Amino acid sequence: MRILVYDVAADSGGAATVLQSFYEEFCKDRDNEYVFVLSVFRLETKPHIEVVNIPWIKKSPLHRLYFDQVVAHRLVKKYRIDQVLSLQNIELPRAGVPQVVYEHNALPFAEYRFKPWEALRPWMTQQILGRMMKASIRRAKKVLVQTNWMKAEIARQCQIPENRIEVKLPAVEMLKTDPWRLDEKKPVFFYPANASAYKNHRTFLKACQYLQKAGYKDYQVIWTVAGDENKGMQAIKKEAEEWKLPIAFRGPMSRRELFDLYASSVLVFPSYVETIGLPLLEAKSAGGWILAADCLYARDCVGDYPRAAFFETFDSKTLGRMMRRWLKRIEK
């Protein structure tokens, strides 16, 4: 069988990691032939794997649209493709052959529904791209997902049988750490996340305000945002400074730094939209305590982990009370 692997979006980060993992898997498969259609990400050609790079796709959204709608399906005929594997959440238009679609965007299937005035881009993903994705799923021969909760939600929302959906866990390297240990004199609460609205930093901020009002001050919070990413995060940083909260806006960290913190802090994870919630699995591998928003993805990842506790997504007081477990009150 000749399989076209379609992923012109991937160039770095998680998408590139997923692409690389499929490539390494297919390098071992000598029973099939593969054609990888990519933009700028480079892979090595093998006797049974051909790599086609088309960098002009990245010039603009119009270039991408033209390629998707006009050029891509021609490659199916050119390379005599029997099946398409799309790693881009949606099928290749007008391919004319059976397709397998890899779904890794959780937004259309998440419990939380965005309002356009709250966060325009996530709303568009749910209301516009999400409908396209669901229609694509219904047409697909098979759907690949990363988690059990995604499998259940796709089957329910798209009304397709679960035997058409396969859970394919991403390959993730867990770094070794020292045994988990928290500084009792000044405990650290850690949140590795970007500045997207659904990462829900504000609930964490309000939990810290609750603790300060109750007289708890001798602790530290570390976030992997710099505080200048967008207007929402700038407002949060300004409020944290006005309240003199012990929140350090560290910015991005290396994986080694992340794992060292997993082993010496309590992970607080209030995000309400995730596909897999990778930091939860990473903190679990380090034996750390976890306080997570009570969402489907979190229950799927660490629902049976004895050191995980859950709070209602926007309930900052409950989160503050849970954090209080590791704090000593500073008497005024």
Protein backbone atom coordinates (compact mmCIF):
# COMPACT_ATOMS: atom_id res chain seq x y z
CA MET A 1 0.00 0.00 0.00
CA ARG A 2 1.17 3.55 -0.79
CA ILE A 3 0.24 5.99 1.97
CA LEU A 4 0.45 9.77 1.74
CA VAL A 5 1.24 11.41 5.11
CA TYR A 6 -0.11 14.94 4.94
CA ASP A 7 1.28 17.51 7.40
CA VAL A 8 2.19 20.85 5.83
CA ALA A 9 1.39 22.71 9.07
CA ALA A 10 4.11 21.14 11.23
CA ASP A 11 7.33 23.12 11.60
CA SER A 12 8.19 23.05 15.32
CA GLY A 13 6.86 22.27 18.80
CA GLY A 14 4.30 19.59 19.52
CA ALA A 15 3.16 19.21 15.90
CA ALA A 16 6.72 18.49 14.80
CA THR A 17 7.12 15.98 17.64
CA VAL A 18 4.01 14.12 16.50
CA LEU A 19 5.22 14.12 12.89
CA GLN A 20 8.64 12.83 13.91
CA SER A 21 7.12 10.00 15.94
CA PHE A 22 5.03 8.81 12.98
CA TYR A 23 8.07 9.02 10.72
CA GLU A 24 10.16 6.89 13.09
CA GLU A 25 7.35 4.34 13.31
CA PHE A 26 6.98 4.14 9.52
CA CYS A 27 10.74 3.79 9.03
CA LYS A 28 10.35 0.32 10.56
CA ASP A 29 7.38 -0.62 8.37
CA ARG A 30 8.75 -2.24 5.22
CA ASP A 31 5.40 -3.63 4.14
CA ASN A 32 4.12 -0.23 2.95
CA GLU A 33 5.46 2.75 1.02
CA TYR A 34 5.07 6.31 2.29
CA VAL A 35 5.06 9.78 0.77
CA PHE A 36 5.41 12.57 3.35
CA VAL A 37 4.01 15.88 2.04
CA LEU A 38 5.45 18.67 4.21
CA SER A 39 6.23 22.37 4.03
CA VAL A 40 9.52 23.30 5.76
CA PHE A 41 10.11 20.46 8.21
CA ARG A 42 12.90 18.21 6.99
CA LEU A 43 12.95 14.42 7.11
CA GLU A 44 15.37 11.98 5.55
CA THR A 45 14.29 10.02 2.48
CA LYS A 46 14.40 6.23 2.83
CA PRO A 47 14.10 3.44 0.24
CA HIS A 48 10.39 3.08 1.09
CA ILE A 49 9.79 6.70 2.20
CA GLU A 50 9.72 9.72 -0.11
CA VAL A 51 9.70 13.21 1.40
CA VAL A 52 8.17 16.08 -0.58
CA ASN A 53 8.88 19.57 0.82
CA ILE A 54 6.85 22.53 -0.49
CA PRO A 55 8.08 25.57 1.49
CA TRP A 56 6.01 28.21 -0.35
CA ILE A 57 2.94 26.98 1.53
CA LYS A 58 4.17 28.98 4.53
CA LYS A 59 4.25 32.33 2.70
CA SER A 60 0.69 33.26 3.65
CA PRO A 61 -2.74 31.80 4.54
CA LEU A 62 -3.74 32.24 0.89
CA HIS A 63 -0.81 30.13 -0.26
CA ARG A 64 -1.86 27.45 2.22
CA LEU A 65 -5.48 27.62 1.06
CA TYR A 66 -4.46 27.34 -2.60
CA PHE A 67 -2.31 24.31 -1.88
CA ASP A 68 -4.98 22.55 0.18
CA GLN A 69 -7.78 23.14 -2.30
CA VAL A 70 -6.01 23.03 -5.68
CA VAL A 71 -2.64 21.27 -5.48
CA ALA A 72 -2.78 18.66 -2.70
CA HIS A 73 -5.25 16.22 -4.25
CA ARG A 74 -3.19 16.14 -7.45
CA LEU A 75 -0.34 14.58 -5.49
CA VAL A 76 -2.63 11.65 -4.68
CA LYS A 77 -2.85 10.82 -8.39
CA LYS A 78 0.78 11.67 -9.10
CA TYR A 79 2.10 9.22 -6.52
CA ARG A 80 -0.67 6.62 -7.04
CA ILE A 81 -1.72 6.83 -3.39
CA ASP A 82 -3.99 4.18 -1.86
CA GLN A 83 -4.67 5.92 1.46
CA VAL A 84 -4.09 9.32 3.10
CA LEU A 85 -3.03 9.87 6.70
CA SER A 86 -3.75 13.49 7.61
CA LEU A 87 -2.00 14.72 10.76
CA GLN A 88 -3.76 18.08 10.61
CA ASN A 89 -7.12 17.39 12.35
CA ILE A 90 -8.97 17.48 9.03
CA GLU A 91 -8.95 15.42 5.86
CA LEU A 92 -7.14 16.30 2.63
CA PRO A 93 -9.78 17.87 0.34
CA ARG A 94 -10.96 15.83 -2.67
CA ALA A 95 -8.38 13.09 -2.20
CA GLY A 96 -10.62 10.40 -3.69
CA VAL A 97 -9.12 7.63 -1.52
CA PRO A 98 -9.81 6.39 2.04
CA GLN A 99 -8.42 8.67 4.75
CA VAL A 100 -7.24 8.31 8.33
CA VAL A 101 -7.40 11.56 10.32
CA TYR A 102 -5.27 12.29 13.38
CA GLU A 103 -7.21 14.52 15.81
CA HIS A 104 -5.14 16.40 18.35
CA ASN A 105 -7.06 19.69 18.69
CA ALA A 106 -9.22 19.41 21.79
CA LEU A 107 -11.08 22.73 21.48
CA PRO A 108 -14.06 21.51 19.42
CA PHE A 109 -14.69 18.66 21.88
CA ALA A 110 -13.96 20.40 25.20
CA GLU A 111 -16.62 20.88 27.88
CA TYR A 112 -16.10 24.64 27.96
CA ARG A 113 -17.77 26.62 25.17
CA PHE A 114 -16.15 29.99 24.42
CA LYS A 115 -17.99 33.24 23.71
CA PRO A 116 -16.70 35.40 20.81
CA TRP A 117 -16.11 38.43 23.08
CA GLU A 118 -14.23 36.27 25.59
CA ALA A 119 -11.62 34.76 23.27
CA LEU A 120 -12.24 35.13 19.54
CA ARG A 121 -9.77 32.58 18.21
CA PRO A 122 -10.89 29.66 20.43
CA TRP A 123 -14.52 30.54 19.64
CA MET A 124 -13.78 30.41 15.90
CA THR A 125 -12.01 27.10 16.35
CA GLN A 126 -15.03 25.64 18.13
CA GLN A 127 -17.75 27.11 15.95
CA ILE A 128 -16.18 27.15 12.46
CA LEU A 129 -13.14 24.88 12.27
CA GLY A 130 -14.78 22.51 14.75
CA ARG A 131 -17.75 21.91 12.46
CA MET A 132 -15.39 21.21 9.56
CA MET A 133 -13.41 18.80 11.72
CA LYS A 134 -16.52 16.92 12.82
CA ALA A 135 -17.76 16.60 9.23
CA SER A 136 -14.31 15.32 8.25
CA ILE A 137 -14.37 12.79 11.07
CA ARG A 138 -17.71 11.39 9.93
CA ARG A 139 -16.28 10.81 6.44
CA ALA A 140 -12.96 9.34 7.59
CA LYS A 141 -12.25 5.63 7.40
CA LYS A 142 -10.52 5.85 10.79
CA VAL A 143 -9.73 8.46 13.44
CA LEU A 144 -6.63 8.53 15.64
CA VAL A 145 -6.66 10.36 18.98
CA GLN A 146 -4.24 10.77 21.88
CA THR A 147 -6.56 10.12 24.83
CA ASN A 148 -9.53 8.04 25.94
CA TRP A 149 -11.63 11.11 26.75
CA MET A 150 -11.18 12.37 23.17
CA LYS A 151 -12.28 8.98 21.85
CA ALA A 152 -15.43 9.04 23.96
CA GLU A 153 -16.31 12.65 23.08
CA ILE A 154 -15.70 12.20 19.35
CA ALA A 155 -17.87 9.09 19.30
CA ARG A 156 -20.63 10.94 21.18
CA GLN A 157 -20.50 14.29 19.39
CA CYS A 158 -19.91 12.94 15.87
CA GLN A 159 -22.17 9.93 16.40
CA ILE A 160 -19.75 7.39 14.98
CA PRO A 161 -18.95 3.92 16.40
CA GLU A 162 -16.02 3.72 18.79
CA ASN A 163 -14.41 0.96 16.71
CA ARG A 164 -13.58 3.62 14.11
CA ILE A 165 -11.53 5.53 16.69
CA GLU A 166 -8.12 4.40 17.90
CA VAL A 167 -6.23 5.80 20.87
CA LYS A 168 -2.59 6.31 19.95
CA LEU A 169 -0.65 7.72 22.88
CA PRO A 170 2.18 10.08 21.87
CA ALA A 171 5.69 8.95 22.68
CA VAL A 172 6.91 11.20 25.50
CA GLU A 173 10.31 10.94 27.17
CA MET A 174 10.11 11.30 30.95
CA LEU A 175 13.33 12.62 32.47
CA LYS A 176 14.68 11.09 35.66
CA THR A 177 14.46 13.18 38.83
CA ASP A 178 15.40 12.96 42.48
CA PRO A 179 12.61 11.70 44.79
CA TRP A 180 9.84 14.31 45.18
CA ARG A 181 10.48 16.68 48.05
CA LEU A 182 8.92 20.02 48.97
CA ASP A 183 10.65 22.83 50.87
CA GLU A 184 8.56 23.00 54.05
CA LYS A 185 9.80 26.49 54.89
CA LYS A 186 8.83 28.00 51.54
CA PRO A 187 6.77 25.61 49.39
CA VAL A 188 6.68 26.12 45.62
CA PHE A 189 3.55 25.87 43.47
CA PHE A 190 4.35 25.42 39.79
CA TYR A 191 2.28 26.00 36.65
CA PRO A 192 3.94 25.33 33.28
CA ALA A 193 1.60 26.75 30.63
CA ASN A 194 1.46 29.34 27.86
CA ALA A 195 -0.58 32.55 27.98
CA SER A 196 -3.75 31.30 26.24
CA ALA A 197 -6.97 32.41 27.92
CA TYR A 198 -8.11 28.85 28.62
CA LYS A 199 -4.98 28.16 30.66
CA ASN A 200 -6.91 29.96 33.40
CA HIS A 201 -4.09 31.77 35.20
CA ARG A 202 -6.63 34.15 36.74
CA THR A 203 -8.17 31.43 38.91
CA PHE A 204 -4.68 30.64 40.22
CA LEU A 205 -4.09 34.37 40.84
CA LYS A 206 -7.36 34.66 42.79
CA ALA A 207 -6.38 31.62 44.88
CA CYS A 208 -3.17 33.46 45.84
CA GLN A 209 -5.21 36.55 46.74
CA TYR A 210 -7.41 34.36 48.95
CA LEU A 211 -4.32 33.00 50.72
CA GLN A 212 -2.92 36.49 51.25
CA LYS A 213 -6.18 37.71 52.81
CA ALA A 214 -6.03 34.69 55.14
CA GLY A 215 -2.48 35.58 56.19
CA TYR A 216 -0.54 33.00 54.20
CA LYS A 217 2.50 34.55 52.54
CA ASP A 218 5.53 32.30 52.93
CA TYR A 219 5.38 30.40 49.64
CA GLN A 220 6.33 30.88 45.99
CA VAL A 221 4.48 30.46 42.70
CA ILE A 222 6.39 29.88 39.45
CA TRP A 223 4.76 30.37 36.06
CA THR A 224 6.33 29.75 32.65
CA VAL A 225 4.90 32.96 31.18
CA ALA A 226 6.80 36.25 31.08
CA GLY A 227 3.69 38.35 31.67
CA ASP A 228 3.87 40.39 28.46
CA GLU A 229 2.42 37.84 26.00
CA ASN A 230 -1.01 39.46 25.58
CA LYS A 231 -3.31 42.02 27.21
CA GLY A 232 -4.89 39.43 29.46
CA MET A 233 -1.56 38.24 30.83
CA GLN A 234 -0.30 41.82 31.19
CA ALA A 235 -3.35 42.62 33.34
CA ILE A 236 -2.75 39.52 35.48
CA LYS A 237 0.90 40.45 36.03
CA LYS A 238 -0.03 44.03 36.94
CA GLU A 239 -2.59 42.77 39.48
CA ALA A 240 -0.08 40.31 40.96
CA GLU A 241 2.42 43.15 41.42
CA GLU A 242 -0.19 45.47 42.97
CA TRP A 243 -1.12 42.75 45.46
CA LYS A 244 2.56 41.92 46.02
CA LEU A 245 1.83 38.25 45.44
CA PRO A 246 4.79 35.80 45.42
CA ILE A 247 4.34 34.93 41.73
CA ALA A 248 7.48 34.64 39.58
CA PHE A 249 6.89 35.15 35.85
CA ARG A 250 9.86 33.06 34.68
CA GLY A 251 9.02 32.54 31.01
CA PRO A 252 9.78 29.37 29.01
CA MET A 253 12.05 26.72 30.54
CA SER A 254 14.05 23.74 29.34
CA ARG A 255 12.69 20.25 29.94
CA ARG A 256 15.41 19.66 32.52
CA GLU A 257 14.29 22.73 34.48
CA LEU A 258 10.66 21.62 34.23
CA PHE A 259 11.37 18.17 35.62
CA ASP A 260 13.53 19.56 38.44
CA LEU A 261 10.55 21.70 39.45
CA TYR A 262 8.10 18.80 39.16
CA ALA A 263 10.26 17.02 41.75
CA SER A 264 10.35 19.96 44.17
CA SER A 265 6.94 21.62 43.91
CA VAL A 266 3.19 21.09 43.87
CA LEU A 267 1.83 21.24 40.31
CA VAL A 268 -1.24 23.45 40.02
CA PHE A 269 -3.01 22.96 36.70
CA PRO A 270 -6.21 25.03 36.27
CA SER A 271 -6.37 24.79 32.46
CA TYR A 272 -9.83 23.89 31.15
CA VAL A 273 -8.89 22.91 27.59
CA GLU A 274 -6.23 20.28 26.92
CA THR A 275 -5.86 17.26 24.70
CA ILE A 276 -3.62 15.28 27.01
CA GLY A 277 -2.39 17.62 29.77
CA LEU A 278 1.25 16.58 29.39
CA PRO A 279 2.49 18.36 32.57
CA LEU A 280 0.14 16.16 34.59
CA LEU A 281 1.82 13.03 33.27
CA GLU A 282 5.27 14.57 33.75
CA ALA A 283 4.57 15.56 37.36
CA LYS A 284 3.13 12.11 37.98
CA SER A 285 6.35 10.52 36.67
CA ALA A 286 8.28 12.63 39.21
CA GLY A 287 6.02 11.49 42.06
CA GLY A 288 4.73 15.01 42.70
CA TRP A 289 1.45 16.28 44.12
CA ILE A 290 -1.05 17.65 41.60
CA LEU A 291 -3.97 20.07 41.99
CA ALA A 292 -5.93 20.07 38.72
CA ALA A 293 -9.13 21.50 37.30
CA ASP A 294 -11.82 18.83 37.31
CA CYS A 295 -12.01 18.33 33.53
CA LEU A 296 -12.28 15.24 31.35
CA TYR A 297 -8.65 15.40 30.21
CA ALA A 298 -7.36 15.65 33.80
CA ARG A 299 -9.44 12.73 35.02
CA ASP A 300 -8.22 10.71 32.05
CA CYS A 301 -4.56 11.50 32.79
CA VAL A 302 -4.35 11.30 36.59
CA GLY A 303 -7.81 10.31 37.83
CA ASP A 304 -6.40 7.19 39.47
CA TYR A 305 -3.20 8.84 40.76
CA PRO A 306 -3.33 8.99 44.58
CA ARG A 307 -1.43 12.29 44.73
CA ALA A 308 -3.87 14.12 42.46
CA ALA A 309 -6.74 16.27 43.75
CA PHE A 310 -9.34 18.16 41.74
CA PHE A 311 -11.21 21.46 42.04
CA GLU A 312 -14.02 23.05 40.05
CA THR A 313 -12.40 24.95 37.19
CA PHE A 314 -13.11 28.52 38.36
CA ASP A 315 -13.37 27.87 42.10
CA SER A 316 -10.37 29.86 43.35
CA LYS A 317 -11.34 29.57 47.01
CA THR A 318 -11.31 25.78 46.91
CA LEU A 319 -7.96 25.88 45.12
CA GLY A 320 -6.64 28.25 47.80
CA ARG A 321 -7.84 25.91 50.54
CA MET A 322 -6.14 22.99 48.81
CA MET A 323 -2.87 24.93 48.53
CA ARG A 324 -3.16 25.81 52.23
CA ARG A 325 -2.39 22.20 53.09
CA TRP A 326 1.32 22.86 52.48
CA LEU A 327 1.47 26.31 54.11
CA LYS A 328 2.08 27.65 57.56
CA ARG A 329 0.09 30.69 58.62
CA ILE A 330 2.04 33.89 59.19
CA GLU A 331 0.53 35.53 62.23
CA LYS A 332 0.00 39.28 61.90
